[in-house]
Amino acid sequence: MSGTRIEEDSFGTIEVPLRALWGAQTQRSLHFFAIGEQGMPPPLVHAMAQVKRAAALVNAELGLLNPAKASAIADAALQVAAGEHDAQFPLSMWQTGSGTQSHMNMNEVLANLASLALGGGLGSERWVHPHDDVNLGQSSNDVFPTAMHMVVALRMPALLAALQRLRLALQARAHAWADLIKVGRTHLQDATPVTLGQEFDAYDAQLALVETVLLQAQPALHALAIGGTAVGNGLNTHPAFGERVVQVLATQLGLPFTVAANRLAATAGHEALVALHSAFRLLAVALTKLGSDLRLMGSGPRAGLGEINLPANEPGSSIMPGKVNPTQVEALLMVCQQVMGHDVAVGIAGAQGQFELNTGKPLIAFNLLDSQRLLTDAITGLAAHCVEGLTANAERLQWQLDRSLMGVTALSPHIGHERAARIAQHAQAHGLTLREAALKAGGLSAAEFDTWVDARRMLAPG
């Protein structure tokens, strides 16, 4: 059924789609913030609904809200949190820096849903008020940052699980390839030998450090601003409101949420979220190293390094038959580039706190959630569709090792640096192996060369 209804707010009347669950303030926002295609992320909307549910229950417990209304609001909030009404949240993320438009969108939708459940109507005929009932004892300035912390905290286990899967895959390859010696490389030039296992163990160690940083960033996420209302000092709310809402959220969602020690700071600044995203950037840095190395080691298959085989998941070219590309790695690298870009924006938005309010909240939330989801999915894909299916080209590794000149480093303690350098330079200039050049130069026997230049003895000190 098409048509409109007339809604009214403090600015006057406005037409709203007849069956829309939102109201006047949401409708005005649709007009004034028609910016871009990025909507408020549904997970953030769902988290706000969880806050509203807890608030309604606590207000009823405190005797501030009619129990029937509170129950109807709480039930409506559960429906929204479950994603049943996502289409009723149409606003752009590019709106006020406090997220007020989306917060009022939530208040209006819950008021209308609760009214319908109680037997009332929509808009002017609703029995539940978006401000006086749904938003009782709350402000955009404490609800929105509370939801920001909650949604990011709730999604951290998925990212950490994906990272664990990747680390286990790297550890398995490190163990399997512990004895496969290969040419080491520094500056993309031949260097002294390492094992393929040592390289993969190093990748895992890099990610282990990042995992520690991610874990260290989590406790600050659990401190919530709710109860601070407009400027953090709790005006127009019950003294016990914030603490009780946090208790409900902690019980319902299974996370150790607490009331922020300083709620003025929790609305004015978002250092906890900025710090977490910097950990996402650190993860992107480590993953870029891993992905770049995998792509180089798998280059070829005949004219590149060809040290490992990346799984052939799909055709790689629309013109070259049989070509296969490192697609999982390339997807990962683009994700990492996006995350690094997001981090710049998060840092700038995090600095937009003037006096008692940060006004970059929607951007911070959007980029955090986007980075978190992209990293989770890309890491999962890399583990499942690339690292877990890697194979090593042992013959190719040995062929390269036999032709490397950097085994000459093992000669230096015996014949001196300058003499060893001349042998390596002669071998390179005349297309000789290092052994051939060393024996031709004289001054050492074949037995001495074979004893001193033993790749297995060059994998550790001494």
Protein backbone atom coordinates (compact mmCIF):
# COMPACT_ATOMS: atom_id res chain seq x y z
CA MET A 1 0.00 0.00 0.00
CA SER A 2 1.54 3.33 -1.05
CA GLY A 3 0.99 6.81 0.37
CA THR A 4 2.22 8.88 3.26
CA ARG A 5 1.28 9.86 6.77
CA ILE A 6 1.95 13.14 8.55
CA GLU A 7 4.48 13.05 11.39
CA GLU A 8 5.42 15.91 13.69
CA ASP A 9 8.55 16.80 15.63
CA SER A 10 9.92 20.00 17.16
CA PHE A 11 10.54 21.39 13.67
CA GLY A 12 6.96 20.91 12.53
CA THR A 13 5.22 18.40 10.28
CA ILE A 14 6.64 16.20 7.53
CA GLU A 15 5.37 13.42 5.29
CA VAL A 16 6.62 9.90 6.07
CA PRO A 17 5.94 6.75 3.99
CA LEU A 18 2.68 5.29 5.26
CA ARG A 19 4.00 1.95 6.53
CA ALA A 20 7.51 3.06 7.48
CA LEU A 21 8.48 2.32 11.06
CA TRP A 22 10.66 5.39 11.26
CA GLY A 23 9.38 8.87 12.01
CA ALA A 24 9.91 12.57 11.40
CA GLN A 25 13.55 12.91 12.40
CA THR A 26 14.62 9.96 10.27
CA GLN A 27 12.68 11.37 7.33
CA ARG A 28 14.39 14.75 7.68
CA SER A 29 17.74 13.01 7.82
CA LEU A 30 17.03 11.17 4.58
CA HIS A 31 16.56 14.56 2.95
CA PHE A 32 19.51 16.42 4.47
CA PHE A 33 22.09 13.60 4.42
CA ALA A 34 21.68 12.08 0.96
CA ILE A 35 25.41 11.40 0.82
CA GLY A 36 27.06 8.40 -0.81
CA GLU A 37 25.96 4.79 -0.75
CA GLN A 38 27.36 3.69 2.60
CA GLY A 39 24.62 3.10 5.14
CA MET A 40 25.05 2.72 8.87
CA PRO A 41 26.51 -0.80 9.29
CA PRO A 42 23.78 -3.28 10.30
CA PRO A 43 25.92 -4.81 13.08
CA LEU A 44 26.16 -1.36 14.69
CA VAL A 45 22.39 -0.92 14.38
CA HIS A 46 21.91 -4.31 16.03
CA ALA A 47 24.24 -3.33 18.87
CA MET A 48 22.28 -0.12 19.46
CA ALA A 49 19.15 -2.24 19.71
CA GLN A 50 20.81 -4.35 22.40
CA VAL A 51 21.55 -1.18 24.37
CA LYS A 52 17.93 -0.05 24.01
CA ARG A 53 16.65 -3.40 25.19
CA ALA A 54 18.84 -3.30 28.30
CA ALA A 55 17.84 0.32 28.97
CA ALA A 56 14.11 -0.49 28.80
CA LEU A 57 14.48 -3.41 31.20
CA VAL A 58 16.53 -1.36 33.67
CA ASN A 59 14.16 1.61 33.53
CA ALA A 60 11.31 -0.77 34.39
CA GLU A 61 13.30 -2.22 37.30
CA LEU A 62 13.95 1.28 38.59
CA GLY A 63 10.25 2.12 38.44
CA LEU A 64 10.79 4.77 35.79
CA LEU A 65 9.00 3.10 32.87
CA ASN A 66 5.66 1.34 32.66
CA PRO A 67 6.39 -2.43 32.67
CA ALA A 68 4.15 -3.12 29.68
CA LYS A 69 5.85 -0.43 27.62
CA ALA A 70 9.27 -1.61 28.76
CA SER A 71 8.49 -5.18 27.75
CA ALA A 72 7.19 -4.09 24.35
CA ILE A 73 10.30 -1.94 23.74
CA ALA A 74 12.59 -4.78 24.83
CA ASP A 75 10.83 -7.26 22.53
CA ALA A 76 11.02 -4.81 19.64
CA ALA A 77 14.72 -4.27 20.30
CA LEU A 78 15.32 -8.02 20.18
CA GLN A 79 13.68 -8.15 16.76
CA VAL A 80 15.88 -5.32 15.51
CA ALA A 81 18.99 -6.90 17.04
CA ALA A 82 18.16 -10.11 15.15
CA GLY A 83 18.11 -8.20 11.86
CA GLU A 84 14.37 -8.52 11.29
CA HIS A 85 13.91 -4.83 10.47
CA ASP A 86 17.13 -3.82 8.73
CA ALA A 87 15.22 -2.09 5.93
CA GLN A 88 13.86 0.38 8.49
CA PHE A 89 17.34 1.87 9.01
CA PRO A 90 18.01 3.63 5.71
CA LEU A 91 20.27 6.46 6.79
CA SER A 92 23.70 7.25 5.40
CA MET A 93 26.68 6.87 7.67
CA TRP A 94 27.66 10.38 6.50
CA GLN A 95 25.62 12.30 9.04
CA THR A 96 26.20 14.12 12.28
CA GLY A 97 29.45 13.19 13.98
CA SER A 98 27.63 11.94 17.09
CA GLY A 99 25.44 9.46 15.21
CA THR A 100 22.32 11.24 16.48
CA GLN A 101 20.32 10.70 13.28
CA SER A 102 20.76 6.92 13.42
CA HIS A 103 20.12 6.93 17.17
CA MET A 104 16.79 8.71 16.62
CA ASN A 105 16.05 6.32 13.76
CA MET A 106 16.38 3.55 16.35
CA ASN A 107 14.19 5.34 18.90
CA GLU A 108 11.44 5.93 16.32
CA VAL A 109 11.46 2.38 14.97
CA LEU A 110 11.33 0.86 18.46
CA ALA A 111 8.55 3.24 19.53
CA ASN A 112 6.42 2.27 16.54
CA LEU A 113 7.10 -1.46 16.90
CA ALA A 114 6.28 -1.34 20.61
CA SER A 115 3.12 0.67 19.91
CA LEU A 116 1.91 -1.89 17.39
CA ALA A 117 2.59 -4.70 19.86
CA LEU A 118 0.50 -2.93 22.50
CA GLY A 119 -2.40 -2.36 20.11
CA GLY A 120 -1.62 1.20 19.10
CA GLY A 121 -0.78 2.71 15.74
CA LEU A 122 2.11 4.41 13.99
CA GLY A 123 3.27 8.01 14.18
CA SER A 124 0.71 10.32 15.78
CA GLU A 125 -1.32 7.26 16.80
CA ARG A 126 1.51 5.44 18.58
CA TRP A 127 1.27 4.65 22.25
CA VAL A 128 5.04 4.69 22.92
CA HIS A 129 7.13 7.85 22.68
CA PRO A 130 10.60 7.71 21.05
CA HIS A 131 12.06 10.30 23.44
CA ASP A 132 10.14 9.94 26.69
CA ASP A 133 9.94 6.15 26.68
CA VAL A 134 12.53 4.53 24.38
CA ASN A 135 15.24 7.12 25.08
CA LEU A 136 14.50 7.51 28.78
CA GLY A 137 17.73 8.32 30.68
CA GLN A 138 19.86 8.20 27.53
CA SER A 139 21.58 10.39 24.94
CA SER A 140 23.06 9.78 21.52
CA ASN A 141 26.36 10.74 23.11
CA ASP A 142 26.44 7.71 25.41
CA VAL A 143 24.32 5.20 23.45
CA PHE A 144 26.23 5.48 20.18
CA PRO A 145 29.76 5.06 21.62
CA THR A 146 28.50 2.23 23.82
CA ALA A 147 27.25 0.44 20.71
CA MET A 148 30.54 1.16 18.93
CA HIS A 149 32.52 -0.60 21.66
CA MET A 150 30.06 -3.47 21.92
CA VAL A 151 29.89 -4.36 18.25
CA VAL A 152 33.65 -4.34 17.76
CA ALA A 153 34.18 -6.41 20.92
CA LEU A 154 31.54 -8.93 19.83
CA ARG A 155 33.26 -9.47 16.49
CA MET A 156 36.81 -9.85 17.81
CA PRO A 157 36.55 -13.64 18.44
CA ALA A 158 35.94 -14.27 14.73
CA LEU A 159 39.05 -12.32 13.75
CA LEU A 160 41.18 -14.04 16.37
CA ALA A 161 39.88 -17.46 15.29
CA ALA A 162 40.79 -16.71 11.66
CA LEU A 163 44.24 -15.60 12.74
CA GLN A 164 44.69 -18.79 14.76
CA ARG A 165 43.77 -20.93 11.75
CA LEU A 166 46.34 -19.13 9.62
CA ARG A 167 49.01 -19.47 12.29
CA LEU A 168 48.35 -23.21 12.61
CA ALA A 169 48.66 -23.60 8.84
CA LEU A 170 51.98 -21.74 8.88
CA GLN A 171 53.23 -23.83 11.79
CA ALA A 172 52.35 -27.04 9.94
CA ARG A 173 54.37 -25.94 6.91
CA ALA A 174 57.25 -24.82 9.10
CA HIS A 175 57.38 -28.29 10.64
CA ALA A 176 57.01 -30.14 7.33
CA TRP A 177 59.71 -28.08 5.63
CA ALA A 178 62.18 -27.88 8.51
CA ASP A 179 64.87 -29.70 6.48
CA LEU A 180 64.30 -28.07 3.08
CA ILE A 181 67.29 -25.76 2.58
CA LYS A 182 66.95 -22.85 0.20
CA VAL A 183 68.70 -19.66 -0.80
CA GLY A 184 68.09 -16.86 1.67
CA ARG A 185 67.48 -13.40 0.26
CA THR A 186 68.17 -9.88 1.50
CA HIS A 187 67.46 -6.82 -0.69
CA LEU A 188 65.91 -9.37 -3.10
CA GLN A 189 69.47 -10.60 -3.72
CA ASP A 190 70.96 -14.01 -2.92
CA ALA A 191 72.06 -14.38 0.69
CA THR A 192 73.18 -17.19 2.95
CA PRO A 193 70.96 -20.29 3.25
CA VAL A 194 67.88 -20.73 5.39
CA THR A 195 65.32 -23.49 5.48
CA LEU A 196 61.86 -23.05 4.07
CA GLY A 197 60.67 -24.09 7.52
CA GLN A 198 62.59 -21.22 9.14
CA GLU A 199 60.91 -18.75 6.83
CA PHE A 200 57.44 -20.02 7.68
CA ASP A 201 58.26 -20.10 11.36
CA ALA A 202 59.22 -16.44 11.08
CA TYR A 203 55.88 -15.59 9.45
CA ASP A 204 54.12 -17.27 12.36
CA ALA A 205 56.27 -15.33 14.85
CA GLN A 206 55.29 -12.04 13.23
CA LEU A 207 51.62 -12.93 13.51
CA ALA A 208 52.09 -14.10 17.11
CA LEU A 209 53.31 -10.63 18.02
CA VAL A 210 50.30 -9.05 16.30
CA GLU A 211 47.96 -11.44 18.10
CA THR A 212 49.41 -10.28 21.42
CA VAL A 213 48.78 -6.65 20.49
CA LEU A 214 45.20 -7.45 19.49
CA LEU A 215 44.58 -9.22 22.79
CA GLN A 216 46.07 -6.32 24.74
CA ALA A 217 43.71 -3.90 22.99
CA GLN A 218 40.56 -5.82 23.96
CA PRO A 219 40.02 -4.88 27.65
CA ALA A 220 39.63 -1.19 26.80
CA LEU A 221 36.76 -2.12 24.46
CA HIS A 222 34.75 -3.44 27.36
CA ALA A 223 34.49 -0.03 29.10
CA LEU A 224 31.14 1.49 28.08
CA ALA A 225 29.95 5.10 28.13
CA ILE A 226 26.28 4.36 28.90
CA GLY A 227 24.92 6.38 31.81
CA GLY A 228 26.94 9.46 30.91
CA THR A 229 24.12 10.98 28.81
CA ALA A 230 24.93 14.25 27.01
CA VAL A 231 28.36 15.25 28.33
CA GLY A 232 29.36 12.29 30.48
CA ASN A 233 28.14 13.50 33.88
CA GLY A 234 24.83 11.58 33.84
CA LEU A 235 22.32 14.43 33.74
CA ASN A 236 18.68 13.25 33.44
CA THR A 237 19.34 9.63 34.28
CA HIS A 238 19.10 7.52 37.43
CA PRO A 239 22.43 7.17 39.30
CA ALA A 240 22.24 3.37 39.02
CA PHE A 241 21.11 3.31 35.39
CA GLY A 242 24.49 2.98 33.67
CA GLU A 243 25.82 0.30 35.99
CA ARG A 244 22.66 -1.79 35.67
CA VAL A 245 22.52 -1.49 31.88
CA VAL A 246 26.12 -2.66 31.67
CA GLN A 247 25.31 -5.63 33.91
CA VAL A 248 22.42 -6.64 31.64
CA LEU A 249 24.59 -6.32 28.53
CA ALA A 250 27.43 -8.33 30.08
CA THR A 251 25.04 -11.11 31.08
CA GLN A 252 23.18 -11.22 27.79
CA LEU A 253 26.20 -10.99 25.51
CA GLY A 254 28.77 -12.90 27.54
CA LEU A 255 31.48 -10.23 27.60
CA PRO A 256 33.05 -8.54 30.66
CA PHE A 257 31.58 -5.11 30.04
CA THR A 258 32.15 -2.42 32.66
CA VAL A 259 31.17 1.20 33.12
CA ALA A 260 33.86 3.51 31.77
CA ALA A 261 35.96 4.90 34.60
CA ASN A 262 35.55 8.40 33.19
CA ARG A 263 32.43 8.80 31.09
CA LEU A 264 33.34 12.32 30.01
CA ALA A 265 36.45 10.84 28.39
CA ALA A 266 34.36 8.01 26.90
CA THR A 267 32.21 10.47 24.94
CA ALA A 268 34.91 13.04 24.18
CA GLY A 269 37.57 10.64 22.93
CA HIS A 270 37.88 7.21 21.34
CA GLU A 271 41.47 6.24 22.08
CA ALA A 272 40.49 2.61 22.74
CA LEU A 273 39.05 2.28 19.24
CA VAL A 274 41.94 4.17 17.63
CA ALA A 275 44.37 1.84 19.40
CA LEU A 276 42.48 -1.23 18.24
CA HIS A 277 42.52 -0.06 14.64
CA SER A 278 46.25 0.57 14.90
CA ALA A 279 46.50 -3.13 15.82
CA PHE A 280 44.49 -3.90 12.67
CA ARG A 281 47.03 -1.85 10.72
CA LEU A 282 49.85 -3.81 12.35
CA LEU A 283 48.13 -7.03 11.28
CA ALA A 284 47.85 -5.66 7.74
CA VAL A 285 51.58 -4.87 7.77
CA ALA A 286 52.52 -8.42 8.82
CA LEU A 287 50.08 -9.97 6.34
CA THR A 288 51.48 -7.85 3.52
CA LYS A 289 54.94 -9.27 4.20
CA LEU A 290 53.56 -12.81 4.21
CA GLY A 291 51.46 -12.32 1.09
CA SER A 292 54.24 -10.63 -0.86
CA ASP A 293 56.68 -13.43 -0.04
CA LEU A 294 54.20 -16.14 -1.00
CA ARG A 295 53.58 -14.46 -4.33
CA LEU A 296 57.32 -14.14 -5.03
CA MET A 297 58.14 -17.70 -3.94
CA GLY A 298 55.32 -19.00 -6.11
CA SER A 299 56.20 -16.89 -9.14
CA GLY A 300 56.63 -18.73 -12.40
CA PRO A 301 55.84 -21.51 -12.85
CA ARG A 302 58.94 -21.66 -15.09
CA ALA A 303 60.36 -18.15 -15.39
CA GLY A 304 60.03 -17.11 -11.75
CA LEU A 305 61.41 -18.35 -8.43
CA GLY A 306 59.11 -21.37 -8.43
CA GLU A 307 60.07 -22.42 -4.90
CA ILE A 308 56.54 -23.27 -3.82
CA ASN A 309 53.30 -24.09 -5.60
CA LEU A 310 50.27 -22.00 -4.72
CA PRO A 311 46.95 -23.84 -5.12
CA ALA A 312 45.40 -23.38 -8.57
CA ASN A 313 41.90 -22.32 -7.61
CA GLU A 314 40.56 -20.85 -10.86
CA PRO A 315 41.67 -19.74 -14.34
CA GLY A 316 43.78 -16.62 -14.14
CA SER A 317 43.52 -15.02 -17.53
CA SER A 318 40.88 -14.20 -20.10
CA ILE A 319 43.43 -14.42 -22.94
CA MET A 320 46.27 -16.73 -21.85
CA PRO A 321 45.10 -20.36 -21.71
CA GLY A 322 46.25 -22.31 -18.68
CA LYS A 323 47.51 -19.29 -16.75
CA VAL A 324 46.91 -19.39 -12.99
CA ASN A 325 47.41 -16.37 -10.75
CA PRO A 326 48.01 -15.92 -6.97
CA THR A 327 44.48 -14.64 -6.50
CA GLN A 328 44.03 -15.28 -2.78
CA VAL A 329 47.24 -13.41 -2.06
CA GLU A 330 46.24 -10.48 -4.26
CA ALA A 331 42.85 -10.22 -2.53
CA LEU A 332 44.63 -10.23 0.82
CA LEU A 333 47.04 -7.51 -0.25
CA MET A 334 44.21 -5.26 -1.40
CA VAL A 335 42.46 -5.77 1.93
CA CYS A 336 45.65 -4.79 3.74
CA GLN A 337 45.94 -1.66 1.64
CA GLN A 338 42.35 -0.73 2.48
CA VAL A 339 42.95 -1.31 6.19
CA MET A 340 46.03 0.91 6.15
CA GLY A 341 43.99 3.64 4.47
CA HIS A 342 41.18 3.20 6.98
CA ASP A 343 43.70 3.61 9.78
CA VAL A 344 44.69 7.06 8.56
CA ALA A 345 41.03 8.11 8.54
CA VAL A 346 40.38 6.59 11.98
CA GLY A 347 43.32 8.48 13.43
CA ILE A 348 42.08 11.76 11.98
CA ALA A 349 38.50 11.11 13.14
CA GLY A 350 39.75 10.09 16.56
CA ALA A 351 41.36 13.51 16.88
CA GLN A 352 38.02 15.27 16.27
CA GLY A 353 37.15 15.62 19.93
CA GLN A 354 36.32 19.16 20.97
CA PHE A 355 35.55 19.61 24.68
CA GLU A 356 32.95 16.97 25.68
CA LEU A 357 32.26 15.22 22.36
CA ASN A 358 34.13 13.48 19.58
CA THR A 359 32.36 14.20 16.29
CA GLY A 360 33.85 11.46 14.13
CA LYS A 361 31.95 8.53 15.62
CA PRO A 362 30.19 7.13 12.51
CA LEU A 363 33.42 7.17 10.50
CA ILE A 364 35.40 5.48 13.28
CA ALA A 365 32.72 2.80 13.66
CA PHE A 366 32.33 2.23 9.92
CA ASN A 367 36.07 1.86 9.28
CA LEU A 368 36.65 -0.35 12.30
CA LEU A 369 33.89 -2.73 11.31
CA ASP A 370 34.95 -2.73 7.67
CA SER A 371 38.59 -3.44 8.53
CA GLN A 372 37.61 -6.11 11.04
CA ARG A 373 35.34 -7.92 8.58
CA LEU A 374 37.75 -7.61 5.65
CA LEU A 375 40.67 -8.96 7.68
CA THR A 376 38.61 -11.81 9.10
CA ASP A 377 37.39 -12.92 5.68
CA ALA A 378 40.71 -12.43 3.86
CA ILE A 379 42.70 -14.30 6.51
CA THR A 380 40.18 -17.15 6.47
CA GLY A 381 40.42 -17.33 2.68
CA LEU A 382 44.22 -17.21 2.68
CA ALA A 383 44.44 -20.08 5.16
CA ALA A 384 41.77 -22.25 3.52
CA HIS A 385 42.49 -21.58 -0.14
CA CYS A 386 46.22 -20.93 -0.15
CA VAL A 387 48.45 -21.73 2.83
CA GLU A 388 46.84 -25.05 3.72
CA GLY A 389 47.34 -26.22 0.12
CA LEU A 390 50.92 -25.05 -0.44
CA THR A 391 53.50 -27.53 -1.71
CA ALA A 392 57.26 -27.10 -1.97
CA ASN A 393 59.47 -27.67 -5.02
CA ALA A 394 62.39 -29.44 -3.39
CA GLU A 395 64.32 -29.96 -6.64
CA ARG A 396 64.00 -26.31 -7.57
CA LEU A 397 65.21 -25.26 -4.12
CA GLN A 398 68.27 -27.49 -4.43
CA TRP A 399 69.00 -26.27 -7.98
CA GLN A 400 69.01 -22.66 -6.81
CA LEU A 401 71.10 -23.50 -3.77
CA ASP A 402 73.72 -25.24 -5.88
CA ARG A 403 74.09 -22.14 -8.05
CA SER A 404 74.06 -19.56 -5.29
CA LEU A 405 77.31 -17.69 -4.68
CA MET A 406 76.57 -16.63 -1.12
CA GLY A 407 77.93 -19.84 0.31
CA VAL A 408 81.17 -17.92 -0.05
CA THR A 409 80.32 -16.32 3.31
CA ALA A 410 81.35 -19.59 4.95
CA LEU A 411 84.81 -19.25 3.40
CA SER A 412 85.49 -15.84 4.95
CA PRO A 413 86.61 -17.11 8.39
CA HIS A 414 89.11 -19.40 6.65
CA ILE A 415 90.51 -17.35 3.75
CA GLY A 416 89.49 -13.78 4.60
CA HIS A 417 86.76 -11.48 3.34
CA GLU A 418 88.64 -9.93 0.41
CA ARG A 419 89.81 -13.21 -1.05
CA ALA A 420 86.34 -14.72 -0.65
CA ALA A 421 84.80 -11.71 -2.44
CA ARG A 422 87.17 -12.12 -5.39
CA ILE A 423 86.17 -15.78 -5.71
CA ALA A 424 82.46 -14.89 -5.76
CA GLN A 425 83.01 -12.10 -8.29
CA HIS A 426 85.07 -14.41 -10.54
CA ALA A 427 82.36 -17.09 -10.39
CA GLN A 428 79.68 -14.57 -11.34
CA ALA A 429 81.72 -13.05 -14.17
CA HIS A 430 82.62 -16.38 -15.77
CA GLY A 431 79.46 -18.38 -15.13
CA LEU A 432 81.13 -20.81 -12.73
CA THR A 433 79.81 -22.45 -9.63
CA LEU A 434 81.33 -21.20 -6.40
CA ARG A 435 83.17 -24.49 -5.96
CA GLU A 436 84.65 -24.30 -9.46
CA ALA A 437 85.79 -20.72 -8.93
CA ALA A 438 87.29 -21.45 -5.49
CA LEU A 439 89.30 -24.44 -6.69
CA LYS A 440 90.46 -22.53 -9.77
CA ALA A 441 91.67 -19.68 -7.56
CA GLY A 442 93.81 -22.14 -5.59
CA GLY A 443 94.87 -22.03 -1.98
CA LEU A 444 92.32 -24.53 -0.70
CA SER A 445 91.52 -28.14 -1.44
CA ALA A 446 88.29 -29.69 -2.60
CA ALA A 447 87.95 -31.39 0.77
CA GLU A 448 88.39 -28.09 2.58
CA PHE A 449 85.81 -26.39 0.38
CA ASP A 450 83.28 -29.18 0.87
CA THR A 451 83.81 -29.09 4.63
CA TRP A 452 83.62 -25.32 4.99
CA VAL A 453 80.85 -24.61 2.48
CA ASP A 454 78.20 -26.95 3.83
CA ALA A 455 74.74 -25.42 3.66
CA ARG A 456 73.51 -27.35 6.69
CA ARG A 457 76.30 -25.90 8.82
CA MET A 458 75.27 -22.40 7.75
CA LEU A 459 71.78 -22.49 9.26
CA ALA A 460 72.76 -21.51 12.80
CA PRO A 461 75.59 -19.80 14.75
CA GLY A 462 78.98 -21.46 14.64
